[in-house]
Amino acid sequence: MKASEKGFTMSSRALKLLSEKRLLKILVEDAKIDLVVSYGANYDRMYLLLPGRFCSCASFYFDVYSRRVKDKCIHLRAFEISKSDVPIIKIFWEEFKNKLYPLIFKGMLT
């Protein structure tokens, strides 16, 4: 049974994601890289977002891109609702490479 069938709308799920502070902007200061990411539900992976265009989550690939049954995934909807007002994390390349990149890579694989 899908979440929408249980009485949860995409907007309510997106608001929950925002209230849990799972959506972030990451600024890798010494590499001049800015990313928008969302933690997965268990905080064990991150999904890379190109706001309004792409998310590396499975829902985007299957529901939006392949089957075309949705116009966006929950992560893109949450970013849309946030109006870009999300927490910002400033880090340096070594920390990004060692701590966050593995989570983003894991999000692309699952």
PDB file of N, CA and C in Angstrom:
ATOM      1  N   MET A   1       0.845  -1.182   0.000  1.00  0.00           N
ATOM      2  CA  MET A   1       0.000   0.000   0.000  1.00  0.00           C
ATOM      3  C   MET A   1       0.890   1.246   0.000  1.00  0.00           C
ATOM      4  N   LYS A   2       0.631   2.146  -0.912  1.00  0.00           N
ATOM      5  CA  LYS A   2       1.406   3.379  -1.010  1.00  0.00           C
ATOM      6  C   LYS A   2       0.993   4.358   0.081  1.00  0.00           C
ATOM      7  N   ALA A   3       1.928   5.289   0.391  1.00  0.00           N
ATOM      8  CA  ALA A   3       1.643   6.286   1.429  1.00  0.00           C
ATOM      9  C   ALA A   3       0.411   7.106   1.080  1.00  0.00           C
ATOM     10  N   SER A   4       0.236   7.424  -0.210  1.00  0.00           N
ATOM     11  CA  SER A   4      -0.933   8.219  -0.598  1.00  0.00           C
ATOM     12  C   SER A   4      -2.229   7.459  -0.339  1.00  0.00           C
ATOM     13  N   GLU A   5      -2.167   6.130  -0.380  1.00  0.00           N
ATOM     14  CA  GLU A   5      -3.350   5.327  -0.101  1.00  0.00           C
ATOM     15  C   GLU A   5      -3.640   5.258   1.393  1.00  0.00           C
ATOM     16  N   LYS A   6      -2.665   5.529   2.220  1.00  0.00           N
ATOM     17  CA  LYS A   6      -2.834   5.503   3.671  1.00  0.00           C
ATOM     18  C   LYS A   6      -3.322   6.850   4.202  1.00  0.00           C
ATOM     19  N   GLY A   7      -3.587   7.791   3.334  1.00  0.00           N
ATOM     20  CA  GLY A   7      -4.084   9.081   3.774  1.00  0.00           C
ATOM     21  C   GLY A   7      -3.029  10.179   3.815  1.00  0.00           C
ATOM     22  N   PHE A   8      -1.806   9.861   3.401  1.00  0.00           N
ATOM     23  CA  PHE A   8      -0.754  10.865   3.375  1.00  0.00           C
ATOM     24  C   PHE A   8      -0.633  11.408   1.963  1.00  0.00           C
ATOM     25  N   THR A   9      -0.670  12.719   1.822  1.00  0.00           N
ATOM     26  CA  THR A   9      -0.486  13.317   0.509  1.00  0.00           C
ATOM     27  C   THR A   9       0.989  13.596   0.294  1.00  0.00           C
ATOM     28  N   MET A  10       1.350  13.850  -0.960  1.00  0.00           N
ATOM     29  CA  MET A  10       2.741  14.180  -1.241  1.00  0.00           C
ATOM     30  C   MET A  10       3.150  15.433  -0.485  1.00  0.00           C
ATOM     31  N   SER A  11       2.260  16.426  -0.412  1.00  0.00           N
ATOM     32  CA  SER A  11       2.597  17.666   0.294  1.00  0.00           C
ATOM     33  C   SER A  11       2.814  17.429   1.782  1.00  0.00           C
ATOM     34  N   SER A  12       2.002  16.581   2.402  1.00  0.00           N
ATOM     35  CA  SER A  12       2.191  16.327   3.837  1.00  0.00           C
ATOM     36  C   SER A  12       3.485  15.561   4.076  1.00  0.00           C
ATOM     37  N   ARG A  13       3.829  14.646   3.175  1.00  0.00           N
ATOM     38  CA  ARG A  13       5.095  13.923   3.300  1.00  0.00           C
ATOM     39  C   ARG A  13       6.272  14.862   3.074  1.00  0.00           C
ATOM     40  N   ALA A  14       6.128  15.804   2.141  1.00  0.00           N
ATOM     41  CA  ALA A  14       7.187  16.782   1.887  1.00  0.00           C
ATOM     42  C   ALA A  14       7.373  17.696   3.095  1.00  0.00           C
ATOM     43  N   LEU A  15       6.280  18.111   3.717  1.00  0.00           N
ATOM     44  CA  LEU A  15       6.376  18.947   4.923  1.00  0.00           C
ATOM     45  C   LEU A  15       7.043  18.187   6.063  1.00  0.00           C
ATOM     46  N   LYS A  16       6.765  16.908   6.171  1.00  0.00           N
ATOM     47  CA  LYS A  16       7.416  16.079   7.194  1.00  0.00           C
ATOM     48  C   LYS A  16       8.919  16.015   6.935  1.00  0.00           C
ATOM     49  N   LEU A  17       9.291  15.816   5.681  1.00  0.00           N
ATOM     50  CA  LEU A  17      10.701  15.786   5.302  1.00  0.00           C
ATOM     51  C   LEU A  17      11.382  17.096   5.697  1.00  0.00           C
ATOM     52  N   LEU A  18      10.715  18.213   5.439  1.00  0.00           N
ATOM     53  CA  LEU A  18      11.273  19.522   5.801  1.00  0.00           C
ATOM     54  C   LEU A  18      11.364  19.692   7.312  1.00  0.00           C
ATOM     55  N   SER A  19      10.349  19.263   8.037  1.00  0.00           N
ATOM     56  CA  SER A  19      10.365  19.417   9.500  1.00  0.00           C
ATOM     57  C   SER A  19      11.464  18.569  10.136  1.00  0.00           C
ATOM     58  N   GLU A  20      11.835  17.488   9.483  1.00  0.00           N
ATOM     59  CA  GLU A  20      12.913  16.628   9.981  1.00  0.00           C
ATOM     60  C   GLU A  20      14.288  17.124   9.548  1.00  0.00           C
ATOM     61  N   LYS A  21      14.323  18.262   8.847  1.00  0.00           N
ATOM     62  CA  LYS A  21      15.575  18.873   8.380  1.00  0.00           C
ATOM     63  C   LYS A  21      16.396  17.907   7.522  1.00  0.00           C
ATOM     64  N   ARG A  22      15.693  17.153   6.672  1.00  0.00           N
ATOM     65  CA  ARG A  22      16.383  16.197   5.811  1.00  0.00           C
ATOM     66  C   ARG A  22      16.842  16.813   4.496  1.00  0.00           C
ATOM     67  N   LEU A  23      16.360  18.002   4.173  1.00  0.00           N
ATOM     68  CA  LEU A  23      16.736  18.685   2.940  1.00  0.00           C
ATOM     69  C   LEU A  23      17.788  19.730   3.276  1.00  0.00           C
ATOM     70  N   LEU A  24      18.908  19.717   2.548  1.00  0.00           N
ATOM     71  CA  LEU A  24      20.038  20.600   2.867  1.00  0.00           C
ATOM     72  C   LEU A  24      20.686  21.157   1.612  1.00  0.00           C
ATOM     73  N   LYS A  25      21.334  22.301   1.793  1.00  0.00           N
ATOM     74  CA  LYS A  25      22.266  22.803   0.789  1.00  0.00           C
ATOM     75  C   LYS A  25      23.653  22.566   1.366  1.00  0.00           C
ATOM     76  N   ILE A  26      24.530  22.025   0.559  1.00  0.00           N
ATOM     77  CA  ILE A  26      25.903  21.787   0.983  1.00  0.00           C
ATOM     78  C   ILE A  26      26.805  22.693   0.165  1.00  0.00           C
ATOM     79  N   LEU A  27      27.605  23.483   0.851  1.00  0.00           N
ATOM     80  CA  LEU A  27      28.582  24.344   0.199  1.00  0.00           C
ATOM     81  C   LEU A  27      29.961  23.785   0.516  1.00  0.00           C
ATOM     82  N   VAL A  28      30.637  23.264  -0.512  1.00  0.00           N
ATOM     83  CA  VAL A  28      32.001  22.767  -0.342  1.00  0.00           C
ATOM     84  C   VAL A  28      32.905  23.945  -0.664  1.00  0.00           C
ATOM     85  N   GLU A  29      33.338  24.636   0.386  1.00  0.00           N
ATOM     86  CA  GLU A  29      33.953  25.948   0.234  1.00  0.00           C
ATOM     87  C   GLU A  29      35.238  25.952  -0.585  1.00  0.00           C
ATOM     88  N   ASP A  30      36.157  25.042  -0.316  1.00  0.00           N
ATOM     89  CA  ASP A  30      37.431  25.094  -1.029  1.00  0.00           C
ATOM     90  C   ASP A  30      37.352  24.500  -2.434  1.00  0.00           C
ATOM     91  N   ALA A  31      36.241  23.886  -2.798  1.00  0.00           N
ATOM     92  CA  ALA A  31      36.065  23.334  -4.140  1.00  0.00           C
ATOM     93  C   ALA A  31      35.052  24.141  -4.949  1.00  0.00           C
ATOM     94  N   LYS A  32      34.432  25.128  -4.326  1.00  0.00           N
ATOM     95  CA  LYS A  32      33.426  25.974  -4.989  1.00  0.00           C
ATOM     96  C   LYS A  32      32.285  25.126  -5.575  1.00  0.00           C
ATOM     97  N   ILE A  33      31.809  24.169  -4.773  1.00  0.00           N
ATOM     98  CA  ILE A  33      30.710  23.297  -5.182  1.00  0.00           C
ATOM     99  C   ILE A  33      29.510  23.570  -4.287  1.00  0.00           C
ATOM    100  N   ASP A  34      28.345  23.765  -4.893  1.00  0.00           N
ATOM    101  CA  ASP A  34      27.085  23.914  -4.162  1.00  0.00           C
ATOM    102  C   ASP A  34      26.163  22.776  -4.587  1.00  0.00           C
ATOM    103  N   LEU A  35      25.626  22.063  -3.604  1.00  0.00           N
ATOM    104  CA  LEU A  35      24.735  20.948  -3.883  1.00  0.00           C
ATOM    105  C   LEU A  35      23.464  21.063  -3.062  1.00  0.00           C
ATOM    106  N   VAL A  36      22.383  20.526  -3.584  1.00  0.00           N
ATOM    107  CA  VAL A  36      21.157  20.358  -2.808  1.00  0.00           C
ATOM    108  C   VAL A  36      20.966  18.857  -2.664  1.00  0.00           C
ATOM    109  N   VAL A  37      20.800  18.407  -1.423  1.00  0.00           N
ATOM    110  CA  VAL A  37      20.644  16.978  -1.152  1.00  0.00           C
ATOM    111  C   VAL A  37      19.508  16.761  -0.164  1.00  0.00           C
ATOM    112  N   SER A  38      19.041  15.533  -0.133  1.00  0.00           N
ATOM    113  CA  SER A  38      18.053  15.139   0.862  1.00  0.00           C
ATOM    114  C   SER A  38      18.490  13.821   1.469  1.00  0.00           C
ATOM    115  N   TYR A  39      18.470  13.763   2.794  1.00  0.00           N
ATOM    116  CA  TYR A  39      18.728  12.489   3.460  1.00  0.00           C
ATOM    117  C   TYR A  39      17.579  11.546   3.164  1.00  0.00           C
ATOM    118  N   GLY A  40      17.880  10.257   3.102  1.00  0.00           N
ATOM    119  CA  GLY A  40      16.848   9.233   3.034  1.00  0.00           C
ATOM    120  C   GLY A  40      16.153   9.135   4.380  1.00  0.00           C
ATOM    121  N   ALA A  41      15.090   8.370   4.447  1.00  0.00           N
ATOM    122  CA  ALA A  41      14.274   8.267   5.663  1.00  0.00           C
ATOM    123  C   ALA A  41      15.061   7.812   6.880  1.00  0.00           C
ATOM    124  N   ASN A  42      16.081   6.988   6.683  1.00  0.00           N
ATOM    125  CA  ASN A  42      16.868   6.485   7.811  1.00  0.00           C
ATOM    126  C   ASN A  42      18.199   7.211   7.980  1.00  0.00           C
ATOM    127  N   TYR A  43      18.391   8.299   7.246  1.00  0.00           N
ATOM    128  CA  TYR A  43      19.623   9.086   7.297  1.00  0.00           C
ATOM    129  C   TYR A  43      20.856   8.256   6.934  1.00  0.00           C
ATOM    130  N   ASP A  44      20.675   7.191   6.169  1.00  0.00           N
ATOM    131  CA  ASP A  44      21.799   6.334   5.799  1.00  0.00           C
ATOM    132  C   ASP A  44      22.252   6.558   4.357  1.00  0.00           C
ATOM    133  N   ARG A  45      21.599   7.480   3.671  1.00  0.00           N
ATOM    134  CA  ARG A  45      21.948   7.818   2.296  1.00  0.00           C
ATOM    135  C   ARG A  45      21.455   9.231   2.000  1.00  0.00           C
ATOM    136  N   MET A  46      21.976   9.811   0.908  1.00  0.00           N
ATOM    137  CA  MET A  46      21.548  11.138   0.474  1.00  0.00           C
ATOM    138  C   MET A  46      21.194  11.065  -1.002  1.00  0.00           C
ATOM    139  N   TYR A  47      20.185  11.839  -1.371  1.00  0.00           N
ATOM    140  CA  TYR A  47      19.801  11.939  -2.770  1.00  0.00           C
ATOM    141  C   TYR A  47      20.209  13.310  -3.286  1.00  0.00           C
ATOM    142  N   LEU A  48      20.813  13.328  -4.443  1.00  0.00           N
ATOM    143  CA  LEU A  48      21.251  14.555  -5.081  1.00  0.00           C
ATOM    144  C   LEU A  48      20.088  15.142  -5.869  1.00  0.00           C
ATOM    145  N   LEU A  49      19.843  16.443  -5.690  1.00  0.00           N
ATOM    146  CA  LEU A  49      18.743  17.114  -6.384  1.00  0.00           C
ATOM    147  C   LEU A  49      19.269  18.178  -7.327  1.00  0.00           C
ATOM    148  N   LEU A  50      18.668  18.258  -8.482  1.00  0.00           N
ATOM    149  CA  LEU A  50      18.788  19.411  -9.361  1.00  0.00           C
ATOM    150  C   LEU A  50      17.391  20.006  -9.330  1.00  0.00           C
ATOM    151  N   PRO A  51      17.169  21.001  -8.470  1.00  0.00           N
ATOM    152  CA  PRO A  51      15.815  21.502  -8.211  1.00  0.00           C
ATOM    153  C   PRO A  51      15.003  21.761  -9.486  1.00  0.00           C
ATOM    154  N   GLY A  52      13.792  21.207  -9.472  1.00  0.00           N
ATOM    155  CA  GLY A  52      12.887  21.363 -10.599  1.00  0.00           C
ATOM    156  C   GLY A  52      13.158  20.430 -11.768  1.00  0.00           C
ATOM    157  N   ARG A  53      14.264  19.626 -11.681  1.00  0.00           N
ATOM    158  CA  ARG A  53      14.643  18.812 -12.833  1.00  0.00           C
ATOM    159  C   ARG A  53      14.933  17.350 -12.543  1.00  0.00           C
ATOM    160  N   PHE A  54      15.627  17.059 -11.437  1.00  0.00           N
ATOM    161  CA  PHE A  54      16.137  15.706 -11.228  1.00  0.00           C
ATOM    162  C   PHE A  54      16.345  15.419  -9.750  1.00  0.00           C
ATOM    163  N   CYS A  55      16.168  14.151  -9.385  1.00  0.00           N
ATOM    164  CA  CYS A  55      16.531  13.648  -8.060  1.00  0.00           C
ATOM    165  C   CYS A  55      17.090  12.244  -8.271  1.00  0.00           C
ATOM    166  N   SER A  56      18.098  11.888  -7.503  1.00  0.00           N
ATOM    167  CA  SER A  56      18.719  10.571  -7.683  1.00  0.00           C
ATOM    168  C   SER A  56      17.982   9.451  -6.949  1.00  0.00           C
ATOM    169  N   CYS A  57      16.821   9.730  -6.370  1.00  0.00           N
ATOM    170  CA  CYS A  57      16.066   8.685  -5.650  1.00  0.00           C
ATOM    171  C   CYS A  57      15.382   7.724  -6.629  1.00  0.00           C
ATOM    172  N   ALA A  58      15.039   6.552  -6.128  1.00  0.00           N
ATOM    173  CA  ALA A  58      14.378   5.530  -6.948  1.00  0.00           C
ATOM    174  C   ALA A  58      12.996   5.983  -7.420  1.00  0.00           C
ATOM    175  N   SER A  59      12.274   6.723  -6.582  1.00  0.00           N
ATOM    176  CA  SER A  59      10.941   7.199  -6.963  1.00  0.00           C
ATOM    177  C   SER A  59      11.009   8.097  -8.195  1.00  0.00           C
ATOM    178  N   PHE A  60      12.021   8.960  -8.244  1.00  0.00           N
ATOM    179  CA  PHE A  60      12.156   9.817  -9.420  1.00  0.00           C
ATOM    180  C   PHE A  60      12.379   8.953 -10.659  1.00  0.00           C
ATOM    181  N   TYR A  61      13.297   8.009 -10.557  1.00  0.00           N
ATOM    182  CA  TYR A  61      13.600   7.174 -11.720  1.00  0.00           C
ATOM    183  C   TYR A  61      12.382   6.367 -12.174  1.00  0.00           C
ATOM    184  N   PHE A  62      11.745   5.680 -11.243  1.00  0.00           N
ATOM    185  CA  PHE A  62      10.653   4.792 -11.633  1.00  0.00           C
ATOM    186  C   PHE A  62       9.326   5.517 -11.864  1.00  0.00           C
ATOM    187  N   ASP A  63       8.918   6.374 -10.933  1.00  0.00           N
ATOM    188  CA  ASP A  63       7.591   7.002 -11.016  1.00  0.00           C
ATOM    189  C   ASP A  63       7.548   8.231 -11.916  1.00  0.00           C
ATOM    190  N   VAL A  64       8.620   9.011 -11.914  1.00  0.00           N
ATOM    191  CA  VAL A  64       8.629  10.246 -12.707  1.00  0.00           C
ATOM    192  C   VAL A  64       9.180   9.986 -14.102  1.00  0.00           C
ATOM    193  N   TYR A  65      10.365   9.424 -14.170  1.00  0.00           N
ATOM    194  CA  TYR A  65      11.043   9.264 -15.458  1.00  0.00           C
ATOM    195  C   TYR A  65      10.518   8.080 -16.278  1.00  0.00           C
ATOM    196  N   SER A  66      10.470   6.902 -15.684  1.00  0.00           N
ATOM    197  CA  SER A  66      10.113   5.700 -16.454  1.00  0.00           C
ATOM    198  C   SER A  66       8.611   5.554 -16.699  1.00  0.00           C
ATOM    199  N   ARG A  67       7.835   5.471 -15.636  1.00  0.00           N
ATOM    200  CA  ARG A  67       6.391   5.227 -15.773  1.00  0.00           C
ATOM    201  C   ARG A  67       5.578   6.493 -16.000  1.00  0.00           C
ATOM    202  N   ARG A  68       6.147   7.630 -15.640  1.00  0.00           N
ATOM    203  CA  ARG A  68       5.485   8.934 -15.802  1.00  0.00           C
ATOM    204  C   ARG A  68       4.135   8.998 -15.082  1.00  0.00           C
ATOM    205  N   VAL A  69       4.087   8.428 -13.863  1.00  0.00           N
ATOM    206  CA  VAL A  69       2.859   8.473 -13.071  1.00  0.00           C
ATOM    207  C   VAL A  69       2.857   9.637 -12.082  1.00  0.00           C
ATOM    208  N   LYS A  70       3.991  10.302 -11.922  1.00  0.00           N
ATOM    209  CA  LYS A  70       4.102  11.495 -11.077  1.00  0.00           C
ATOM    210  C   LYS A  70       4.900  12.541 -11.836  1.00  0.00           C
ATOM    211  N   ASP A  71       4.712  13.799 -11.453  1.00  0.00           N
ATOM    212  CA  ASP A  71       5.508  14.841 -12.097  1.00  0.00           C
ATOM    213  C   ASP A  71       6.755  15.194 -11.295  1.00  0.00           C
ATOM    214  N   LYS A  72       6.836  14.725 -10.031  1.00  0.00           N
ATOM    215  CA  LYS A  72       8.030  14.966  -9.207  1.00  0.00           C
ATOM    216  C   LYS A  72       8.029  13.994  -8.043  1.00  0.00           C
ATOM    217  N   CYS A  73       9.196  13.806  -7.473  1.00  0.00           N
ATOM    218  CA  CYS A  73       9.305  12.953  -6.282  1.00  0.00           C
ATOM    219  C   CYS A  73       9.113  13.815  -5.030  1.00  0.00           C
ATOM    220  N   ILE A  74       9.063  13.170  -3.893  1.00  0.00           N
ATOM    221  CA  ILE A  74       8.845  13.856  -2.617  1.00  0.00           C
ATOM    222  C   ILE A  74       9.960  14.861  -2.313  1.00  0.00           C
ATOM    223  N   HIS A  75      11.188  14.545  -2.712  1.00  0.00           N
ATOM    224  CA  HIS A  75      12.328  15.421  -2.426  1.00  0.00           C
ATOM    225  C   HIS A  75      12.235  16.721  -3.229  1.00  0.00           C
ATOM    226  N   LEU A  76      11.881  16.602  -4.507  1.00  0.00           N
ATOM    227  CA  LEU A  76      11.699  17.807  -5.323  1.00  0.00           C
ATOM    228  C   LEU A  76      10.503  18.618  -4.841  1.00  0.00           C
ATOM    229  N   ARG A  77       9.439  17.942  -4.412  1.00  0.00           N
ATOM    230  CA  ARG A  77       8.265  18.643  -3.874  1.00  0.00           C
ATOM    231  C   ARG A  77       8.636  19.400  -2.604  1.00  0.00           C
ATOM    232  N   ALA A  78       9.421  18.780  -1.740  1.00  0.00           N
ATOM    233  CA  ALA A  78       9.843  19.444  -0.501  1.00  0.00           C
ATOM    234  C   ALA A  78      10.674  20.682  -0.814  1.00  0.00           C
ATOM    235  N   PHE A  79      11.571  20.584  -1.791  1.00  0.00           N
ATOM    236  CA  PHE A  79      12.386  21.748  -2.143  1.00  0.00           C
ATOM    237  C   PHE A  79      11.508  22.852  -2.712  1.00  0.00           C
ATOM    238  N   GLU A  80      10.525  22.488  -3.503  1.00  0.00           N
ATOM    239  CA  GLU A  80       9.577  23.455  -4.065  1.00  0.00           C
ATOM    240  C   GLU A  80       8.828  24.182  -2.940  1.00  0.00           C
ATOM    241  N   ILE A  81       8.353  23.439  -1.962  1.00  0.00           N
ATOM    242  CA  ILE A  81       7.634  24.026  -0.823  1.00  0.00           C
ATOM    243  C   ILE A  81       8.542  24.936  -0.010  1.00  0.00           C
ATOM    244  N   SER A  82       9.801  24.541   0.142  1.00  0.00           N
ATOM    245  CA  SER A  82      10.744  25.301   0.982  1.00  0.00           C
ATOM    246  C   SER A  82      11.098  26.661   0.398  1.00  0.00           C
ATOM    247  N   LYS A  83      10.860  26.833  -0.895  1.00  0.00           N
ATOM    248  CA  LYS A  83      11.246  28.061  -1.598  1.00  0.00           C
ATOM    249  C   LYS A  83      12.738  28.344  -1.399  1.00  0.00           C
ATOM    250  N   SER A  84      13.529  27.299  -1.442  1.00  0.00           N
ATOM    251  CA  SER A  84      14.993  27.340  -1.312  1.00  0.00           C
ATOM    252  C   SER A  84      15.476  27.700   0.084  1.00  0.00           C
ATOM    253  N   ASP A  85      14.568  27.823   1.042  1.00  0.00           N
ATOM    254  CA  ASP A  85      14.955  28.174   2.408  1.00  0.00           C
ATOM    255  C   ASP A  85      15.196  26.893   3.208  1.00  0.00           C
ATOM    256  N   VAL A  86      16.376  26.310   3.011  1.00  0.00           N
ATOM    257  CA  VAL A  86      16.749  25.070   3.694  1.00  0.00           C
ATOM    258  C   VAL A  86      18.065  25.292   4.435  1.00  0.00           C
ATOM    259  N   PRO A  87      18.340  24.464   5.436  1.00  0.00           N
ATOM    260  CA  PRO A  87      19.605  24.610   6.168  1.00  0.00           C
ATOM    261  C   PRO A  87      20.805  24.484   5.229  1.00  0.00           C
ATOM    262  N   ILE A  88      21.835  25.259   5.531  1.00  0.00           N
ATOM    263  CA  ILE A  88      23.063  25.249   4.733  1.00  0.00           C
ATOM    264  C   ILE A  88      24.194  24.689   5.584  1.00  0.00           C
ATOM    265  N   ILE A  89      24.928  23.754   4.996  1.00  0.00           N
ATOM    266  CA  ILE A  89      26.109  23.195   5.650  1.00  0.00           C
ATOM    267  C   ILE A  89      27.323  23.630   4.847  1.00  0.00           C
ATOM    268  N   LYS A  90      28.277  24.251   5.519  1.00  0.00           N
ATOM    269  CA  LYS A  90      29.530  24.640   4.867  1.00  0.00           C
ATOM    270  C   LYS A  90      30.622  23.694   5.341  1.00  0.00           C
ATOM    271  N   ILE A  91      31.256  23.043   4.376  1.00  0.00           N
ATOM    272  CA  ILE A  91      32.319  22.099   4.709  1.00  0.00           C
ATOM    273  C   ILE A  91      33.467  22.253   3.720  1.00  0.00           C
ATOM    274  N   PHE A  92      34.555  21.582   4.007  1.00  0.00           N
ATOM    275  CA  PHE A  92      35.692  21.558   3.091  1.00  0.00           C
ATOM    276  C   PHE A  92      35.732  20.211   2.366  1.00  0.00           C
ATOM    277  N   TRP A  93      36.484  20.179   1.259  1.00  0.00           N
ATOM    278  CA  TRP A  93      36.515  19.030   0.376  1.00  0.00           C
ATOM    279  C   TRP A  93      36.806  17.717   1.096  1.00  0.00           C
ATOM    280  N   GLU A  94      37.807  17.682   1.945  1.00  0.00           N
ATOM    281  CA  GLU A  94      38.181  16.429   2.619  1.00  0.00           C
ATOM    282  C   GLU A  94      37.021  15.863   3.429  1.00  0.00           C
ATOM    283  N   GLU A  95      36.322  16.726   4.155  1.00  0.00           N
ATOM    284  CA  GLU A  95      35.174  16.270   4.942  1.00  0.00           C
ATOM    285  C   GLU A  95      34.044  15.790   4.026  1.00  0.00           C
ATOM    286  N   PHE A  96      33.798  16.545   2.954  1.00  0.00           N
ATOM    287  CA  PHE A  96      32.779  16.135   1.983  1.00  0.00           C
ATOM    288  C   PHE A  96      33.118  14.769   1.397  1.00  0.00           C
ATOM    289  N   LYS A  97      34.354  14.628   0.948  1.00  0.00           N
ATOM    290  CA  LYS A  97      34.795  13.384   0.304  1.00  0.00           C
ATOM    291  C   LYS A  97      34.691  12.188   1.248  1.00  0.00           C
ATOM    292  N   ASN A  98      35.037  12.389   2.505  1.00  0.00           N
ATOM    293  CA  ASN A  98      35.072  11.280   3.457  1.00  0.00           C
ATOM    294  C   ASN A  98      33.732  10.975   4.121  1.00  0.00           C
ATOM    295  N   LYS A  99      32.892  11.991   4.326  1.00  0.00           N
ATOM    296  CA  LYS A  99      31.649  11.785   5.077  1.00  0.00           C
ATOM    297  C   LYS A  99      30.384  11.830   4.231  1.00  0.00           C
ATOM    298  N   LEU A 100      30.271  12.811   3.352  1.00  0.00           N
ATOM    299  CA  LEU A 100      29.013  12.996   2.622  1.00  0.00           C
ATOM    300  C   LEU A 100      28.975  12.305   1.265  1.00  0.00           C
ATOM    301  N   TYR A 101      30.086  12.308   0.549  1.00  0.00           N
ATOM    302  CA  TYR A 101      30.093  11.672  -0.772  1.00  0.00           C
ATOM    303  C   TYR A 101      29.667  10.207  -0.710  1.00  0.00           C
ATOM    304  N   PRO A 102      30.155   9.421   0.262  1.00  0.00           N
ATOM    305  CA  PRO A 102      29.686   8.024   0.334  1.00  0.00           C
ATOM    306  C   PRO A 102      28.165   7.906   0.508  1.00  0.00           C
ATOM    307  N   LEU A 103      27.553   8.834   1.236  1.00  0.00           N
ATOM    308  CA  LEU A 103      26.096   8.806   1.413  1.00  0.00           C
ATOM    309  C   LEU A 103      25.373   9.147   0.109  1.00  0.00           C
ATOM    310  N   ILE A 104      25.932  10.112  -0.645  1.00  0.00           N
ATOM    311  CA  ILE A 104      25.342  10.488  -1.936  1.00  0.00           C
ATOM    312  C   ILE A 104      25.487   9.330  -2.922  1.00  0.00           C
ATOM    313  N   PHE A 105      26.655   8.711  -2.935  1.00  0.00           N
ATOM    314  CA  PHE A 105      26.889   7.580  -3.833  1.00  0.00           C
ATOM    315  C   PHE A 105      25.942   6.429  -3.502  1.00  0.00           C
ATOM    316  N   LYS A 106      25.743   6.163  -2.234  1.00  0.00           N
ATOM    317  CA  LYS A 106      24.819   5.103  -1.811  1.00  0.00           C
ATOM    318  C   LYS A 106      23.392   5.418  -2.268  1.00  0.00           C
ATOM    319  N   GLY A 107      23.006   6.705  -2.197  1.00  0.00           N
ATOM    320  CA  GLY A 107      21.680   7.111  -2.651  1.00  0.00           C
ATOM    321  C   GLY A 107      21.475   6.918  -4.138  1.00  0.00           C
ATOM    322  N   MET A 108      22.566   6.965  -4.910  1.00  0.00           N
ATOM    323  CA  MET A 108      22.462   6.754  -6.357  1.00  0.00           C
ATOM    324  C   MET A 108      22.356   5.275  -6.706  1.00  0.00           C
ATOM    325  N   LEU A 109      22.814   4.427  -5.809  1.00  0.00           N
ATOM    326  CA  LEU A 109      22.811   2.989  -6.085  1.00  0.00           C
ATOM    327  C   LEU A 109      21.537   2.291  -5.651  1.00  0.00           C
ATOM    328  N   THR A 110      20.784   2.916  -4.745  1.00  0.00           N
ATOM    329  CA  THR A 110      19.623   2.222  -4.197  1.00  0.00           C
ATOM    330  C   THR A 110      18.339   2.981  -4.427  1.00  0.00           C
TER     331      THR A 110
END
